[in-house]
Amino acid sequence: MDHQDVDTAVAELLKVLGPHTAEDWSVPAGPLEWSCRETAAHIGHDLLAYAGQVAARPADSYLPFDLNVRPTASPAEVLQTVTACGRLLSCVLATAAPTLRAWHWGPCDPEGFAAMGVAETLLHTYDITRGLAVDWLPPASLSAAVLDRLFPDAPPGDPVQVLLWCTGRGELDGFPRRTSWMWKAARSD
């Protein structure tokens, strides 16, 4: 996965959520405790954090900064912030050497940061669409790429349904519903 995948995921978020910015984003984002607005701000936070990690290359911790989206920001402004943060991640990934490593619970390569950025964007867009009652599922091709990079032990099946199952967001025939999960982004090779 790479910067183009991050761009594609953010473009998908804007396509599906952009037409719904006049709705009530104070409602919970699906099963999350966060509101739709808070969840969108969280996407921006993670994209910015991943960009900072790749740019600074810390070996053993996250950088000590945080994204603060003003409480008065409208849903449209929050989506602009997500777009900016996604673009920052995309830009640093586009120039990062494949051998670069930065900390995310261990040494993580640029592909891992791209996969995490795509996963956060798609999964939380899904959560927000549940809260806003918008019928949408993550794209199959991006879901398959995320599974391949972050969930190497995922069972076979429709990549969208498997990704939702892997992250506790859905049912999968023959498997108990997940109540906890963790992806494997760190890679030292």
C-alpha atoms as a PDB file:
ATOM      1  CA  MET A   1       0.000   0.000   0.000  1.00  0.00           C
ATOM      2  CA  ASP A   2       1.167   3.538  -0.632  1.00  0.00           C
ATOM      3  CA  HIS A   3       0.264   7.225  -0.773  1.00  0.00           C
ATOM      4  CA  GLN A   4      -2.161   6.699  -3.654  1.00  0.00           C
ATOM      5  CA  ASP A   5      -4.214   4.322  -1.514  1.00  0.00           C
ATOM      6  CA  VAL A   6      -4.439   6.989   1.206  1.00  0.00           C
ATOM      7  CA  ASP A   7      -5.600   9.510  -1.402  1.00  0.00           C
ATOM      8  CA  THR A   8      -8.208   7.043  -2.671  1.00  0.00           C
ATOM      9  CA  ALA A   9      -9.528   6.326   0.833  1.00  0.00           C
ATOM     10  CA  VAL A  10      -9.837  10.023   1.695  1.00  0.00           C
ATOM     11  CA  ALA A  11     -11.551  10.711  -1.642  1.00  0.00           C
ATOM     12  CA  GLU A  12     -14.017   7.914  -0.835  1.00  0.00           C
ATOM     13  CA  LEU A  13     -14.677   9.433   2.603  1.00  0.00           C
ATOM     14  CA  LEU A  14     -15.425  12.804   1.004  1.00  0.00           C
ATOM     15  CA  LYS A  15     -17.654  11.247  -1.654  1.00  0.00           C
ATOM     16  CA  VAL A  16     -19.791   9.402   0.862  1.00  0.00           C
ATOM     17  CA  LEU A  17     -19.837  11.877   3.773  1.00  0.00           C
ATOM     18  CA  GLY A  18     -19.619  15.207   1.940  1.00  0.00           C
ATOM     19  CA  PRO A  19     -23.295  15.211   0.905  1.00  0.00           C
ATOM     20  CA  HIS A  20     -24.345  14.695   4.544  1.00  0.00           C
ATOM     21  CA  THR A  21     -22.621  17.602   6.297  1.00  0.00           C
ATOM     22  CA  ALA A  22     -25.922  19.362   7.030  1.00  0.00           C
ATOM     23  CA  GLU A  23     -27.133  16.404   9.097  1.00  0.00           C
ATOM     24  CA  ASP A  24     -26.780  15.973  12.864  1.00  0.00           C
ATOM     25  CA  TRP A  25     -23.202  14.794  13.455  1.00  0.00           C
ATOM     26  CA  SER A  26     -23.683  14.790  17.234  1.00  0.00           C
ATOM     27  CA  VAL A  27     -25.276  11.320  17.018  1.00  0.00           C
ATOM     28  CA  PRO A  28     -23.124   8.288  17.898  1.00  0.00           C
ATOM     29  CA  ALA A  29     -21.036   6.894  15.052  1.00  0.00           C
ATOM     30  CA  GLY A  30     -22.614   3.461  14.845  1.00  0.00           C
ATOM     31  CA  PRO A  31     -21.573   1.352  17.830  1.00  0.00           C
ATOM     32  CA  LEU A  32     -18.867   3.795  18.952  1.00  0.00           C
ATOM     33  CA  GLU A  33     -19.131   6.017  22.008  1.00  0.00           C
ATOM     34  CA  TRP A  34     -17.892   8.930  19.891  1.00  0.00           C
ATOM     35  CA  SER A  35     -20.216  11.136  17.905  1.00  0.00           C
ATOM     36  CA  CYS A  36     -19.943  11.216  14.123  1.00  0.00           C
ATOM     37  CA  ARG A  37     -18.111  14.547  14.418  1.00  0.00           C
ATOM     38  CA  GLU A  38     -15.670  13.207  17.016  1.00  0.00           C
ATOM     39  CA  THR A  39     -15.058  10.135  14.891  1.00  0.00           C
ATOM     40  CA  ALA A  40     -14.267  12.259  11.837  1.00  0.00           C
ATOM     41  CA  ALA A  41     -11.877  14.365  13.921  1.00  0.00           C
ATOM     42  CA  HIS A  42     -10.263  11.123  15.116  1.00  0.00           C
ATOM     43  CA  ILE A  43      -9.603  10.128  11.495  1.00  0.00           C
ATOM     44  CA  GLY A  44      -7.779  13.421  10.994  1.00  0.00           C
ATOM     45  CA  HIS A  45      -5.866  12.891  14.222  1.00  0.00           C
ATOM     46  CA  ASP A  46      -4.633   9.461  13.158  1.00  0.00           C
ATOM     47  CA  LEU A  47      -3.690  10.558   9.645  1.00  0.00           C
ATOM     48  CA  LEU A  48      -1.693  13.466  11.080  1.00  0.00           C
ATOM     49  CA  ALA A  49      -0.057  11.246  13.707  1.00  0.00           C
ATOM     50  CA  TYR A  50       1.011   8.728  11.056  1.00  0.00           C
ATOM     51  CA  ALA A  51       2.400  11.549   8.885  1.00  0.00           C
ATOM     52  CA  GLY A  52       4.401  12.839  11.839  1.00  0.00           C
ATOM     53  CA  GLN A  53       5.792   9.393  12.589  1.00  0.00           C
ATOM     54  CA  VAL A  54       6.933   8.856   9.003  1.00  0.00           C
ATOM     55  CA  ALA A  55       8.424  12.374   8.787  1.00  0.00           C
ATOM     56  CA  ALA A  56      10.293  12.269  12.113  1.00  0.00           C
ATOM     57  CA  ARG A  57      11.081   8.524  12.214  1.00  0.00           C
ATOM     58  CA  PRO A  58      11.018   8.046  15.993  1.00  0.00           C
ATOM     59  CA  ALA A  59      12.250   4.601  17.010  1.00  0.00           C
ATOM     60  CA  ASP A  60      10.407   4.029  20.261  1.00  0.00           C
ATOM     61  CA  SER A  61       7.351   6.252  20.791  1.00  0.00           C
ATOM     62  CA  TYR A  62       4.735   8.506  19.282  1.00  0.00           C
ATOM     63  CA  LEU A  63       5.567  12.178  18.855  1.00  0.00           C
ATOM     64  CA  PRO A  64       4.193  14.364  21.679  1.00  0.00           C
ATOM     65  CA  PHE A  65       1.666  16.325  19.638  1.00  0.00           C
ATOM     66  CA  ASP A  66      -2.048  16.058  19.027  1.00  0.00           C
ATOM     67  CA  LEU A  67      -4.646  17.389  16.595  1.00  0.00           C
ATOM     68  CA  ASN A  68      -7.150  19.732  18.189  1.00  0.00           C
ATOM     69  CA  VAL A  69     -10.220  20.332  16.016  1.00  0.00           C
ATOM     70  CA  ARG A  70     -12.163  23.290  17.395  1.00  0.00           C
ATOM     71  CA  PRO A  71     -15.484  22.335  18.978  1.00  0.00           C
ATOM     72  CA  THR A  72     -17.174  24.979  16.827  1.00  0.00           C
ATOM     73  CA  ALA A  73     -15.977  23.399  13.565  1.00  0.00           C
ATOM     74  CA  SER A  74     -18.835  22.309  11.346  1.00  0.00           C
ATOM     75  CA  PRO A  75     -18.914  18.807   9.856  1.00  0.00           C
ATOM     76  CA  ALA A  76     -17.774  20.286   6.531  1.00  0.00           C
ATOM     77  CA  GLU A  77     -14.808  21.939   8.275  1.00  0.00           C
ATOM     78  CA  VAL A  78     -13.944  18.696  10.044  1.00  0.00           C
ATOM     79  CA  LEU A  79     -13.907  16.939   6.661  1.00  0.00           C
ATOM     80  CA  GLN A  80     -11.593  19.676   5.326  1.00  0.00           C
ATOM     81  CA  THR A  81      -9.296  18.957   8.266  1.00  0.00           C
ATOM     82  CA  VAL A  82      -9.373  15.229   7.503  1.00  0.00           C
ATOM     83  CA  THR A  83      -8.533  16.039   3.884  1.00  0.00           C
ATOM     84  CA  ALA A  84      -5.549  18.142   4.958  1.00  0.00           C
ATOM     85  CA  CYS A  85      -4.266  15.453   7.309  1.00  0.00           C
ATOM     86  CA  GLY A  86      -4.732  12.784   4.660  1.00  0.00           C
ATOM     87  CA  ARG A  87      -2.797  14.888   2.171  1.00  0.00           C
ATOM     88  CA  LEU A  88       0.027  15.360   4.683  1.00  0.00           C
ATOM     89  CA  LEU A  89       0.276  11.599   5.160  1.00  0.00           C
ATOM     90  CA  SER A  90       0.136  11.034   1.417  1.00  0.00           C
ATOM     91  CA  CYS A  91       2.921  13.552   0.775  1.00  0.00           C
ATOM     92  CA  VAL A  92       5.302  12.098   3.349  1.00  0.00           C
ATOM     93  CA  LEU A  93       4.600   8.568   2.131  1.00  0.00           C
ATOM     94  CA  ALA A  94       5.270   9.594  -1.476  1.00  0.00           C
ATOM     95  CA  THR A  95       8.810  10.638  -0.555  1.00  0.00           C
ATOM     96  CA  ALA A  96       9.607   7.965   2.052  1.00  0.00           C
ATOM     97  CA  ALA A  97      12.149   5.288   1.208  1.00  0.00           C
ATOM     98  CA  PRO A  98      10.762   1.745   1.510  1.00  0.00           C
ATOM     99  CA  THR A  99      13.520   1.016   4.041  1.00  0.00           C
ATOM    100  CA  LEU A 100      12.329   3.785   6.398  1.00  0.00           C
ATOM    101  CA  ARG A 101      11.126   2.602   9.793  1.00  0.00           C
ATOM    102  CA  ALA A 102       9.199   4.593  12.385  1.00  0.00           C
ATOM    103  CA  TRP A 103       7.524   3.531  15.590  1.00  0.00           C
ATOM    104  CA  HIS A 104       4.044   2.080  15.756  1.00  0.00           C
ATOM    105  CA  TRP A 105       4.254  -0.505  18.537  1.00  0.00           C
ATOM    106  CA  GLY A 106       7.494  -1.592  16.908  1.00  0.00           C
ATOM    107  CA  PRO A 107       9.287  -0.638  13.689  1.00  0.00           C
ATOM    108  CA  CYS A 108       6.789   0.078  10.934  1.00  0.00           C
ATOM    109  CA  ASP A 109       7.497   0.648   7.252  1.00  0.00           C
ATOM    110  CA  PRO A 110       5.811   3.227   4.994  1.00  0.00           C
ATOM    111  CA  GLU A 111       3.483   0.553   3.594  1.00  0.00           C
ATOM    112  CA  GLY A 112       2.256  -0.163   7.119  1.00  0.00           C
ATOM    113  CA  PHE A 113       1.546   3.511   7.776  1.00  0.00           C
ATOM    114  CA  ALA A 114      -0.324   3.738   4.462  1.00  0.00           C
ATOM    115  CA  ALA A 115      -2.363   0.645   5.366  1.00  0.00           C
ATOM    116  CA  MET A 116      -3.189   2.043   8.804  1.00  0.00           C
ATOM    117  CA  GLY A 117      -4.222   5.378   7.292  1.00  0.00           C
ATOM    118  CA  VAL A 118      -6.498   3.624   4.818  1.00  0.00           C
ATOM    119  CA  ALA A 119      -7.923   1.352   7.529  1.00  0.00           C
ATOM    120  CA  GLU A 120      -8.678   4.227   9.912  1.00  0.00           C
ATOM    121  CA  THR A 121     -10.307   6.197   7.101  1.00  0.00           C
ATOM    122  CA  LEU A 122     -12.455   3.357   5.775  1.00  0.00           C
ATOM    123  CA  LEU A 123     -13.462   1.837   9.101  1.00  0.00           C
ATOM    124  CA  HIS A 124     -14.404   5.105  10.736  1.00  0.00           C
ATOM    125  CA  THR A 125     -16.191   6.281   7.597  1.00  0.00           C
ATOM    126  CA  TYR A 126     -18.200   3.075   7.956  1.00  0.00           C
ATOM    127  CA  ASP A 127     -18.912   3.934  11.608  1.00  0.00           C
ATOM    128  CA  ILE A 128     -20.048   7.437  10.667  1.00  0.00           C
ATOM    129  CA  THR A 129     -22.324   6.131   7.908  1.00  0.00           C
ATOM    130  CA  ARG A 130     -23.967   3.861  10.463  1.00  0.00           C
ATOM    131  CA  GLY A 131     -24.665   6.888  12.661  1.00  0.00           C
ATOM    132  CA  LEU A 132     -25.989   8.984   9.780  1.00  0.00           C
ATOM    133  CA  ALA A 133     -28.035   6.059   8.326  1.00  0.00           C
ATOM    134  CA  VAL A 134     -26.128   6.163   5.030  1.00  0.00           C
ATOM    135  CA  ASP A 135     -25.938   2.884   3.102  1.00  0.00           C
ATOM    136  CA  TRP A 136     -22.226   2.363   2.356  1.00  0.00           C
ATOM    137  CA  LEU A 137     -19.527  -0.279   2.573  1.00  0.00           C
ATOM    138  CA  PRO A 138     -15.767   0.141   2.171  1.00  0.00           C
ATOM    139  CA  PRO A 139     -14.421  -0.594  -1.327  1.00  0.00           C
ATOM    140  CA  ALA A 140     -13.443  -4.247  -1.773  1.00  0.00           C
ATOM    141  CA  SER A 141     -10.033  -3.544  -3.332  1.00  0.00           C
ATOM    142  CA  LEU A 142      -8.878  -1.312  -0.475  1.00  0.00           C
ATOM    143  CA  SER A 143     -10.364  -3.698   2.081  1.00  0.00           C
ATOM    144  CA  ALA A 144      -8.389  -6.586   0.540  1.00  0.00           C
ATOM    145  CA  ALA A 145      -5.166  -4.567   0.597  1.00  0.00           C
ATOM    146  CA  VAL A 146      -5.683  -3.611   4.259  1.00  0.00           C
ATOM    147  CA  LEU A 147      -6.342  -7.235   5.172  1.00  0.00           C
ATOM    148  CA  ASP A 148      -3.241  -8.382   3.322  1.00  0.00           C
ATOM    149  CA  ARG A 149      -0.998  -5.855   5.091  1.00  0.00           C
ATOM    150  CA  LEU A 150      -2.494  -5.554   8.578  1.00  0.00           C
ATOM    151  CA  PHE A 151      -4.369  -8.828   9.145  1.00  0.00           C
ATOM    152  CA  PRO A 152      -2.190 -11.574   7.633  1.00  0.00           C
ATOM    153  CA  ASP A 153      -4.106 -14.268   9.553  1.00  0.00           C
ATOM    154  CA  ALA A 154      -7.539 -13.118   8.353  1.00  0.00           C
ATOM    155  CA  PRO A 155      -9.833 -15.884   7.157  1.00  0.00           C
ATOM    156  CA  PRO A 156     -10.737 -16.103   3.460  1.00  0.00           C
ATOM    157  CA  GLY A 157     -13.931 -14.529   2.207  1.00  0.00           C
ATOM    158  CA  ASP A 158     -15.398 -11.306   0.904  1.00  0.00           C
ATOM    159  CA  PRO A 159     -12.734  -8.728   1.846  1.00  0.00           C
ATOM    160  CA  VAL A 160     -15.241  -6.118   3.020  1.00  0.00           C
ATOM    161  CA  GLN A 161     -17.051  -8.515   5.336  1.00  0.00           C
ATOM    162  CA  VAL A 162     -13.761 -10.009   6.568  1.00  0.00           C
ATOM    163  CA  LEU A 163     -12.350  -6.544   7.332  1.00  0.00           C
ATOM    164  CA  LEU A 164     -15.486  -5.589   9.238  1.00  0.00           C
ATOM    165  CA  TRP A 165     -15.297  -8.884  11.148  1.00  0.00           C
ATOM    166  CA  CYS A 166     -11.565  -8.496  11.881  1.00  0.00           C
ATOM    167  CA  THR A 167     -12.263  -5.128  13.482  1.00  0.00           C
ATOM    168  CA  GLY A 168     -15.309  -6.174  15.493  1.00  0.00           C
ATOM    169  CA  ARG A 169     -17.803  -4.451  13.201  1.00  0.00           C
ATOM    170  CA  GLY A 170     -19.554  -7.431  11.683  1.00  0.00           C
ATOM    171  CA  GLU A 171     -20.451 -11.092  11.695  1.00  0.00           C
ATOM    172  CA  LEU A 172     -18.661 -13.757   9.673  1.00  0.00           C
ATOM    173  CA  ASP A 173     -20.110 -17.218   9.127  1.00  0.00           C
ATOM    174  CA  GLY A 174     -18.298 -19.852  11.145  1.00  0.00           C
ATOM    175  CA  PHE A 175     -16.498 -17.392  13.415  1.00  0.00           C
ATOM    176  CA  PRO A 176     -17.483 -15.827  16.738  1.00  0.00           C
ATOM    177  CA  ARG A 177     -17.931 -12.054  16.690  1.00  0.00           C
ATOM    178  CA  ARG A 178     -14.761 -10.284  17.711  1.00  0.00           C
ATOM    179  CA  THR A 179     -14.846  -8.145  20.822  1.00  0.00           C
ATOM    180  CA  SER A 180     -11.169  -7.178  20.680  1.00  0.00           C
ATOM    181  CA  TRP A 181      -8.600  -7.094  17.934  1.00  0.00           C
ATOM    182  CA  MET A 182      -5.234  -5.675  16.922  1.00  0.00           C
ATOM    183  CA  TRP A 183      -3.618  -5.249  13.565  1.00  0.00           C
ATOM    184  CA  LYS A 184       0.010  -6.047  12.817  1.00  0.00           C
ATOM    185  CA  ALA A 185       1.582  -2.927  11.372  1.00  0.00           C
ATOM    186  CA  ALA A 186       5.129  -3.233  12.743  1.00  0.00           C
ATOM    187  CA  ARG A 187       7.512  -5.001  10.414  1.00  0.00           C
ATOM    188  CA  SER A 188      11.235  -5.070  10.936  1.00  0.00           C
ATOM    189  CA  ASP A 189      12.268  -6.668   7.646  1.00  0.00           C
END
